[in-house]
Amino acid sequence: MKKVLIMEDEVNIRSFVVINLQRAGYEVVEAGAGDEALERLQQHPDVGVAILDIMVPGIDGFEVCRRIRATNKQMGVIMLSARTQEMDKVTGLMTGADDYVTKPFSPAELTARVDALFRRIGGGDTTVSTEILRHGPFVMNTQNHTLDKNGARIRLTQVEYGIMKFFMLNPGKILSREDILAEVWGREYEGELKIVDVNIRRLRIKIEDDTTNPTYINTVWGYGYKWGS
């Protein structure tokens, strides 16, 4: 059974999430604070997706996400918050989250986001038979979900890997934000386009020699992005 961690200090909200995830077929691990969530993750290394409320006692959701990403790039991470400020969303994504959901939310919405992350984690690369993609200094193994630059491994989250694969399969092609969102997050995704921009910013930090003058991921103003010149 697929396993999800929910870190939420409000018991009523946490119970509500647990019930709905269990109905959807997930095993749920609960935590009410940041240090407890990190302890639960050590006890349950097979957790596939973590749902992290930003404002919890002790270690907050941002820091829990950072610590997860320091050792685990594959786990899906969803930030959960009552906040609506743009900076909170950006901060959550830049710490390594794959997605965010703002309270109040519907159980169907949250479950759909969890479903999408598990598909990304467990889905094979059935869209292309080639196992190796090459472009300039980059080599991507689509079977192992790895990316090397000049022979050095670049550690990517599943979202970052999905974006890179989409780019490398479409060199020189202008891809709209909507194209990237549909390909990586799924056509049913109802989140904001801003999530694409923030993940591109995070990806550039990892792959570009100079993020202020990118060589590989070029912005097409008012439309989207293009891989290569």
C-alpha atoms as a PDB file:
ATOM      1  CA  MET A   1       0.000   0.000   0.000  1.00  0.00           C
ATOM      2  CA  LYS A   2       1.292   3.473  -0.873  1.00  0.00           C
ATOM      3  CA  LYS A   3       2.256   5.490   2.184  1.00  0.00           C
ATOM      4  CA  VAL A   4       1.687   9.207   2.861  1.00  0.00           C
ATOM      5  CA  LEU A   5       2.880  11.360   5.759  1.00  0.00           C
ATOM      6  CA  ILE A   6       0.634  14.214   6.935  1.00  0.00           C
ATOM      7  CA  MET A   7       2.229  16.843   9.218  1.00  0.00           C
ATOM      8  CA  GLU A   8      -0.535  19.054  10.624  1.00  0.00           C
ATOM      9  CA  ASP A   9      -0.929  20.333  14.184  1.00  0.00           C
ATOM     10  CA  GLU A  10      -4.681  20.993  13.929  1.00  0.00           C
ATOM     11  CA  VAL A  11      -6.171  17.643  14.892  1.00  0.00           C
ATOM     12  CA  ASN A  12      -9.504  18.195  13.139  1.00  0.00           C
ATOM     13  CA  ILE A  13      -7.814  19.021   9.828  1.00  0.00           C
ATOM     14  CA  ARG A  14      -5.352  16.154  10.167  1.00  0.00           C
ATOM     15  CA  SER A  15      -8.121  13.654  10.926  1.00  0.00           C
ATOM     16  CA  PHE A  16     -10.092  14.932   7.952  1.00  0.00           C
ATOM     17  CA  VAL A  17      -7.091  14.440   5.649  1.00  0.00           C
ATOM     18  CA  VAL A  18      -6.304  10.996   7.096  1.00  0.00           C
ATOM     19  CA  ILE A  19      -9.849   9.702   6.584  1.00  0.00           C
ATOM     20  CA  ASN A  20      -9.999  10.851   2.981  1.00  0.00           C
ATOM     21  CA  LEU A  21      -6.552   9.505   2.077  1.00  0.00           C
ATOM     22  CA  GLN A  22      -7.398   6.161   3.656  1.00  0.00           C
ATOM     23  CA  ARG A  23     -10.619   6.047   1.640  1.00  0.00           C
ATOM     24  CA  ALA A  24      -8.497   6.631  -1.455  1.00  0.00           C
ATOM     25  CA  GLY A  25      -6.407   3.572  -0.576  1.00  0.00           C
ATOM     26  CA  TYR A  26      -3.379   5.151   1.109  1.00  0.00           C
ATOM     27  CA  GLU A  27      -1.668   4.186   4.342  1.00  0.00           C
ATOM     28  CA  VAL A  28      -1.198   7.373   6.372  1.00  0.00           C
ATOM     29  CA  VAL A  29       1.499   8.286   8.885  1.00  0.00           C
ATOM     30  CA  GLU A  30       0.596  11.197  11.180  1.00  0.00           C
ATOM     31  CA  ALA A  31       2.680  13.939  12.817  1.00  0.00           C
ATOM     32  CA  GLY A  32       1.655  17.070  14.690  1.00  0.00           C
ATOM     33  CA  ALA A  33       5.009  18.888  14.694  1.00  0.00           C
ATOM     34  CA  GLY A  34       8.183  19.186  12.647  1.00  0.00           C
ATOM     35  CA  ASP A  35      10.477  17.120  14.861  1.00  0.00           C
ATOM     36  CA  GLU A  36       7.813  14.419  15.089  1.00  0.00           C
ATOM     37  CA  ALA A  37       7.485  14.371  11.289  1.00  0.00           C
ATOM     38  CA  LEU A  38      11.243  13.868  10.857  1.00  0.00           C
ATOM     39  CA  GLU A  39      11.139  11.048  13.420  1.00  0.00           C
ATOM     40  CA  ARG A  40       8.207   9.402  11.626  1.00  0.00           C
ATOM     41  CA  LEU A  41      10.047   9.601   8.318  1.00  0.00           C
ATOM     42  CA  GLN A  42      13.001   7.777   9.843  1.00  0.00           C
ATOM     43  CA  GLN A  43      10.627   5.105  11.121  1.00  0.00           C
ATOM     44  CA  HIS A  44       8.849   4.894   7.755  1.00  0.00           C
ATOM     45  CA  PRO A  45      11.475   5.279   5.006  1.00  0.00           C
ATOM     46  CA  ASP A  46       8.966   3.987   2.445  1.00  0.00           C
ATOM     47  CA  VAL A  47       6.807   7.130   2.640  1.00  0.00           C
ATOM     48  CA  GLY A  48       6.247   8.222  -0.947  1.00  0.00           C
ATOM     49  CA  VAL A  49       4.594  11.618  -0.412  1.00  0.00           C
ATOM     50  CA  ALA A  50       4.808  14.034   2.530  1.00  0.00           C
ATOM     51  CA  ILE A  51       2.138  16.679   3.125  1.00  0.00           C
ATOM     52  CA  LEU A  52       3.676  19.415   5.275  1.00  0.00           C
ATOM     53  CA  ASP A  53       1.780  22.223   6.949  1.00  0.00           C
ATOM     54  CA  ILE A  54       3.976  25.325   7.030  1.00  0.00           C
ATOM     55  CA  MET A  55       2.967  26.604  10.470  1.00  0.00           C
ATOM     56  CA  VAL A  56       3.474  23.863  13.056  1.00  0.00           C
ATOM     57  CA  PRO A  57       5.132  23.909  16.501  1.00  0.00           C
ATOM     58  CA  GLY A  58       8.912  23.784  16.572  1.00  0.00           C
ATOM     59  CA  ILE A  59      10.515  23.068  13.208  1.00  0.00           C
ATOM     60  CA  ASP A  60       8.280  24.574  10.518  1.00  0.00           C
ATOM     61  CA  GLY A  61       7.249  23.018   7.239  1.00  0.00           C
ATOM     62  CA  PHE A  62       9.883  24.889   5.233  1.00  0.00           C
ATOM     63  CA  GLU A  63      12.695  23.451   7.354  1.00  0.00           C
ATOM     64  CA  VAL A  64      11.223  19.938   7.318  1.00  0.00           C
ATOM     65  CA  CYS A  65      11.115  20.149   3.521  1.00  0.00           C
ATOM     66  CA  ARG A  66      14.740  21.308   3.385  1.00  0.00           C
ATOM     67  CA  ARG A  67      15.833  18.399   5.560  1.00  0.00           C
ATOM     68  CA  ILE A  68      13.899  15.923   3.442  1.00  0.00           C
ATOM     69  CA  ARG A  69      15.506  17.253   0.274  1.00  0.00           C
ATOM     70  CA  ALA A  70      18.984  17.098   1.817  1.00  0.00           C
ATOM     71  CA  THR A  71      18.755  13.306   1.771  1.00  0.00           C
ATOM     72  CA  ASN A  72      15.789  12.382  -0.425  1.00  0.00           C
ATOM     73  CA  LYS A  73      15.136  13.834  -3.874  1.00  0.00           C
ATOM     74  CA  GLN A  74      12.539  11.247  -4.869  1.00  0.00           C
ATOM     75  CA  MET A  75       9.882  11.757  -2.215  1.00  0.00           C
ATOM     76  CA  GLY A  76       6.955  13.899  -3.287  1.00  0.00           C
ATOM     77  CA  VAL A  77       6.371  16.957  -1.079  1.00  0.00           C
ATOM     78  CA  ILE A  78       3.199  19.049  -0.860  1.00  0.00           C
ATOM     79  CA  MET A  79       3.140  22.211   1.262  1.00  0.00           C
ATOM     80  CA  LEU A  80      -0.110  22.882   3.088  1.00  0.00           C
ATOM     81  CA  SER A  81      -0.877  26.362   4.382  1.00  0.00           C
ATOM     82  CA  ALA A  82      -3.597  28.848   5.255  1.00  0.00           C
ATOM     83  CA  ARG A  83      -1.360  31.564   3.902  1.00  0.00           C
ATOM     84  CA  THR A  84      -2.094  33.090   0.520  1.00  0.00           C
ATOM     85  CA  GLN A  85       0.906  35.404   0.156  1.00  0.00           C
ATOM     86  CA  GLU A  86       2.915  34.841  -2.993  1.00  0.00           C
ATOM     87  CA  MET A  87       6.215  34.760  -1.103  1.00  0.00           C
ATOM     88  CA  ASP A  88       5.110  31.822   1.039  1.00  0.00           C
ATOM     89  CA  LYS A  89       4.317  29.814  -2.077  1.00  0.00           C
ATOM     90  CA  VAL A  90       7.628  30.691  -3.682  1.00  0.00           C
ATOM     91  CA  THR A  91       9.543  29.924  -0.487  1.00  0.00           C
ATOM     92  CA  GLY A  92       7.886  26.524  -0.201  1.00  0.00           C
ATOM     93  CA  LEU A  93       8.724  25.608  -3.769  1.00  0.00           C
ATOM     94  CA  MET A  94      12.281  26.902  -3.550  1.00  0.00           C
ATOM     95  CA  THR A  95      12.946  24.751  -0.473  1.00  0.00           C
ATOM     96  CA  GLY A  96      12.175  21.731  -2.647  1.00  0.00           C
ATOM     97  CA  ALA A  97       8.416  21.201  -2.493  1.00  0.00           C
ATOM     98  CA  ASP A  98       6.713  19.814  -5.584  1.00  0.00           C
ATOM     99  CA  ASP A  99       3.340  21.412  -4.992  1.00  0.00           C
ATOM    100  CA  TYR A 100       1.296  23.466  -2.536  1.00  0.00           C
ATOM    101  CA  VAL A 101      -2.330  23.502  -1.458  1.00  0.00           C
ATOM    102  CA  THR A 102      -3.944  26.466   0.270  1.00  0.00           C
ATOM    103  CA  LYS A 103      -6.516  26.040   3.032  1.00  0.00           C
ATOM    104  CA  PRO A 104      -9.425  25.621   2.882  1.00  0.00           C
ATOM    105  CA  PHE A 105      -9.166  22.790   0.368  1.00  0.00           C
ATOM    106  CA  SER A 106     -11.412  19.983  -0.785  1.00  0.00           C
ATOM    107  CA  PRO A 107     -10.432  16.379  -0.030  1.00  0.00           C
ATOM    108  CA  ALA A 108     -10.746  15.598  -3.741  1.00  0.00           C
ATOM    109  CA  GLU A 109      -8.218  18.312  -4.605  1.00  0.00           C
ATOM    110  CA  LEU A 110      -5.625  17.140  -2.089  1.00  0.00           C
ATOM    111  CA  THR A 111      -6.091  13.493  -3.031  1.00  0.00           C
ATOM    112  CA  ALA A 112      -5.684  14.383  -6.715  1.00  0.00           C
ATOM    113  CA  ARG A 113      -2.404  16.138  -5.951  1.00  0.00           C
ATOM    114  CA  VAL A 114      -1.162  13.110  -3.997  1.00  0.00           C
ATOM    115  CA  ASP A 115      -2.248  10.781  -6.830  1.00  0.00           C
ATOM    116  CA  ALA A 116      -0.339  12.907  -9.344  1.00  0.00           C
ATOM    117  CA  LEU A 117       2.861  12.805  -7.305  1.00  0.00           C
ATOM    118  CA  PHE A 118       2.692   9.031  -6.910  1.00  0.00           C
ATOM    119  CA  ARG A 119       2.209   8.658 -10.673  1.00  0.00           C
ATOM    120  CA  ARG A 120       5.305  10.769 -11.212  1.00  0.00           C
ATOM    121  CA  ILE A 121       7.340   8.808  -8.686  1.00  0.00           C
ATOM    122  CA  GLY A 122       6.299   5.372  -9.870  1.00  0.00           C
ATOM    123  CA  GLY A 123       5.585   5.955 -13.523  1.00  0.00           C
ATOM    124  CA  GLY A 124       7.906   4.512 -16.125  1.00  0.00           C
ATOM    125  CA  ASP A 125       9.190   6.305 -19.203  1.00  0.00           C
ATOM    126  CA  THR A 126       6.807   4.690 -21.635  1.00  0.00           C
ATOM    127  CA  THR A 127       6.690   7.689 -23.952  1.00  0.00           C
ATOM    128  CA  VAL A 128      10.139   7.047 -25.406  1.00  0.00           C
ATOM    129  CA  SER A 129      12.037   3.831 -26.063  1.00  0.00           C
ATOM    130  CA  THR A 130      15.440   5.490 -25.863  1.00  0.00           C
ATOM    131  CA  GLU A 131      17.008   5.063 -22.458  1.00  0.00           C
ATOM    132  CA  ILE A 132      19.739   7.680 -22.913  1.00  0.00           C
ATOM    133  CA  LEU A 133      19.165  11.326 -23.879  1.00  0.00           C
ATOM    134  CA  ARG A 134      22.170  13.544 -24.653  1.00  0.00           C
ATOM    135  CA  HIS A 135      22.494  17.263 -25.166  1.00  0.00           C
ATOM    136  CA  GLY A 136      25.758  19.184 -24.791  1.00  0.00           C
ATOM    137  CA  PRO A 137      27.282  18.265 -21.420  1.00  0.00           C
ATOM    138  CA  PHE A 138      24.094  16.533 -20.238  1.00  0.00           C
ATOM    139  CA  VAL A 139      23.335  12.813 -20.257  1.00  0.00           C
ATOM    140  CA  MET A 140      19.944  11.628 -19.007  1.00  0.00           C
ATOM    141  CA  ASN A 141      19.144   8.007 -18.262  1.00  0.00           C
ATOM    142  CA  THR A 142      15.373   7.769 -18.603  1.00  0.00           C
ATOM    143  CA  GLN A 143      15.244   4.319 -17.061  1.00  0.00           C
ATOM    144  CA  ASN A 144      17.075   5.246 -13.866  1.00  0.00           C
ATOM    145  CA  HIS A 145      15.794   8.859 -13.768  1.00  0.00           C
ATOM    146  CA  THR A 146      19.310  10.296 -13.507  1.00  0.00           C
ATOM    147  CA  LEU A 147      21.014  13.335 -15.035  1.00  0.00           C
ATOM    148  CA  ASP A 148      24.752  13.912 -15.367  1.00  0.00           C
ATOM    149  CA  LYS A 149      26.510  17.095 -16.437  1.00  0.00           C
ATOM    150  CA  ASN A 150      30.113  16.647 -17.595  1.00  0.00           C
ATOM    151  CA  GLY A 151      30.101  13.282 -15.851  1.00  0.00           C
ATOM    152  CA  ALA A 152      28.905  14.652 -12.490  1.00  0.00           C
ATOM    153  CA  ARG A 153      25.527  13.576 -11.103  1.00  0.00           C
ATOM    154  CA  ILE A 154      22.926  16.322 -10.613  1.00  0.00           C
ATOM    155  CA  ARG A 155      20.395  15.446  -7.938  1.00  0.00           C
ATOM    156  CA  LEU A 156      16.902  16.314  -9.135  1.00  0.00           C
ATOM    157  CA  THR A 157      13.481  16.059  -7.588  1.00  0.00           C
ATOM    158  CA  GLN A 158      10.874  14.166  -9.611  1.00  0.00           C
ATOM    159  CA  VAL A 159       9.373  17.450 -10.817  1.00  0.00           C
ATOM    160  CA  GLU A 160      12.771  18.801 -11.878  1.00  0.00           C
ATOM    161  CA  TYR A 161      13.520  15.542 -13.665  1.00  0.00           C
ATOM    162  CA  GLY A 162      10.176  15.737 -15.478  1.00  0.00           C
ATOM    163  CA  ILE A 163      10.886  19.261 -16.667  1.00  0.00           C
ATOM    164  CA  MET A 164      14.409  18.367 -17.803  1.00  0.00           C
ATOM    165  CA  LYS A 165      13.184  15.323 -19.687  1.00  0.00           C
ATOM    166  CA  PHE A 166      10.507  17.391 -21.442  1.00  0.00           C
ATOM    167  CA  PHE A 167      13.122  19.942 -22.476  1.00  0.00           C
ATOM    168  CA  MET A 168      15.625  17.354 -23.694  1.00  0.00           C
ATOM    169  CA  LEU A 169      12.953  15.613 -25.757  1.00  0.00           C
ATOM    170  CA  ASN A 170      12.105  18.964 -27.389  1.00  0.00           C
ATOM    171  CA  PRO A 171      15.415  20.766 -28.058  1.00  0.00           C
ATOM    172  CA  GLY A 172      14.992  24.185 -29.653  1.00  0.00           C
ATOM    173  CA  LYS A 173      11.204  24.061 -29.345  1.00  0.00           C
ATOM    174  CA  ILE A 174       9.391  26.845 -27.517  1.00  0.00           C
ATOM    175  CA  LEU A 175       7.295  25.311 -24.749  1.00  0.00           C
ATOM    176  CA  SER A 176       4.552  27.322 -23.108  1.00  0.00           C
ATOM    177  CA  ARG A 177       4.024  27.286 -19.353  1.00  0.00           C
ATOM    178  CA  GLU A 178       0.768  25.488 -20.043  1.00  0.00           C
ATOM    179  CA  ASP A 179       2.648  22.820 -22.048  1.00  0.00           C
ATOM    180  CA  ILE A 180       5.077  22.230 -19.182  1.00  0.00           C
ATOM    181  CA  LEU A 181       2.336  22.213 -16.546  1.00  0.00           C
ATOM    182  CA  ALA A 182       0.277  19.652 -18.485  1.00  0.00           C
ATOM    183  CA  GLU A 183       3.286  17.423 -19.193  1.00  0.00           C
ATOM    184  CA  VAL A 184       4.820  17.416 -15.715  1.00  0.00           C
ATOM    185  CA  TRP A 185       1.898  18.003 -13.344  1.00  0.00           C
ATOM    186  CA  GLY A 186      -0.805  16.411 -15.499  1.00  0.00           C
ATOM    187  CA  ARG A 187      -3.645  17.837 -17.561  1.00  0.00           C
ATOM    188  CA  GLU A 188      -6.038  17.623 -14.624  1.00  0.00           C
ATOM    189  CA  TYR A 189      -3.827  19.854 -12.462  1.00  0.00           C
ATOM    190  CA  GLU A 190      -5.672  22.979 -11.350  1.00  0.00           C
ATOM    191  CA  GLY A 191      -2.838  24.893  -9.683  1.00  0.00           C
ATOM    192  CA  GLU A 192      -1.223  28.135 -10.779  1.00  0.00           C
ATOM    193  CA  LEU A 193       1.225  28.625 -13.642  1.00  0.00           C
ATOM    194  CA  LYS A 194       3.605  30.271 -11.152  1.00  0.00           C
ATOM    195  CA  ILE A 195       4.626  26.786 -10.011  1.00  0.00           C
ATOM    196  CA  VAL A 196       6.322  26.296 -13.399  1.00  0.00           C
ATOM    197  CA  ASP A 197       8.374  29.491 -13.090  1.00  0.00           C
ATOM    198  CA  VAL A 198       9.555  28.714  -9.571  1.00  0.00           C
ATOM    199  CA  ASN A 199      10.617  25.179 -10.499  1.00  0.00           C
ATOM    200  CA  ILE A 200      12.461  26.514 -13.553  1.00  0.00           C
ATOM    201  CA  ARG A 201      14.282  28.946 -11.263  1.00  0.00           C
ATOM    202  CA  ARG A 202      15.229  26.069  -8.954  1.00  0.00           C
ATOM    203  CA  LEU A 203      16.340  23.908 -11.874  1.00  0.00           C
ATOM    204  CA  ARG A 204      18.520  26.671 -13.299  1.00  0.00           C
ATOM    205  CA  ILE A 205      20.388  26.892 -10.002  1.00  0.00           C
ATOM    206  CA  LYS A 206      21.320  23.229 -10.409  1.00  0.00           C
ATOM    207  CA  ILE A 207      22.223  23.058 -14.104  1.00  0.00           C
ATOM    208  CA  GLU A 208      23.313  26.513 -15.307  1.00  0.00           C
ATOM    209  CA  ASP A 209      26.853  27.868 -14.992  1.00  0.00           C
ATOM    210  CA  ASP A 210      25.435  31.394 -14.643  1.00  0.00           C
ATOM    211  CA  THR A 211      21.788  31.706 -13.601  1.00  0.00           C
ATOM    212  CA  THR A 212      21.709  35.400 -14.555  1.00  0.00           C
ATOM    213  CA  ASN A 213      22.713  34.512 -18.114  1.00  0.00           C
ATOM    214  CA  PRO A 214      21.328  30.994 -18.702  1.00  0.00           C
ATOM    215  CA  THR A 215      22.720  28.906 -21.528  1.00  0.00           C
ATOM    216  CA  TYR A 216      20.331  25.964 -21.538  1.00  0.00           C
ATOM    217  CA  ILE A 217      16.895  27.054 -20.282  1.00  0.00           C
ATOM    218  CA  ASN A 218      16.037  30.246 -22.102  1.00  0.00           C
ATOM    219  CA  THR A 219      13.016  32.401 -21.287  1.00  0.00           C
ATOM    220  CA  VAL A 220      10.654  33.304 -24.103  1.00  0.00           C
ATOM    221  CA  TRP A 221       9.067  36.389 -22.598  1.00  0.00           C
ATOM    222  CA  GLY A 222       5.309  36.339 -22.319  1.00  0.00           C
ATOM    223  CA  TYR A 223       5.090  32.712 -23.401  1.00  0.00           C
ATOM    224  CA  GLY A 224       7.343  30.120 -21.803  1.00  0.00           C
ATOM    225  CA  TYR A 225      10.776  28.536 -22.175  1.00  0.00           C
ATOM    226  CA  LYS A 226      13.085  26.956 -24.732  1.00  0.00           C
ATOM    227  CA  TRP A 227      15.847  24.381 -24.262  1.00  0.00           C
ATOM    228  CA  GLY A 228      19.046  25.471 -26.002  1.00  0.00           C
ATOM    229  CA  SER A 229      19.699  28.359 -28.347  1.00  0.00           C
END
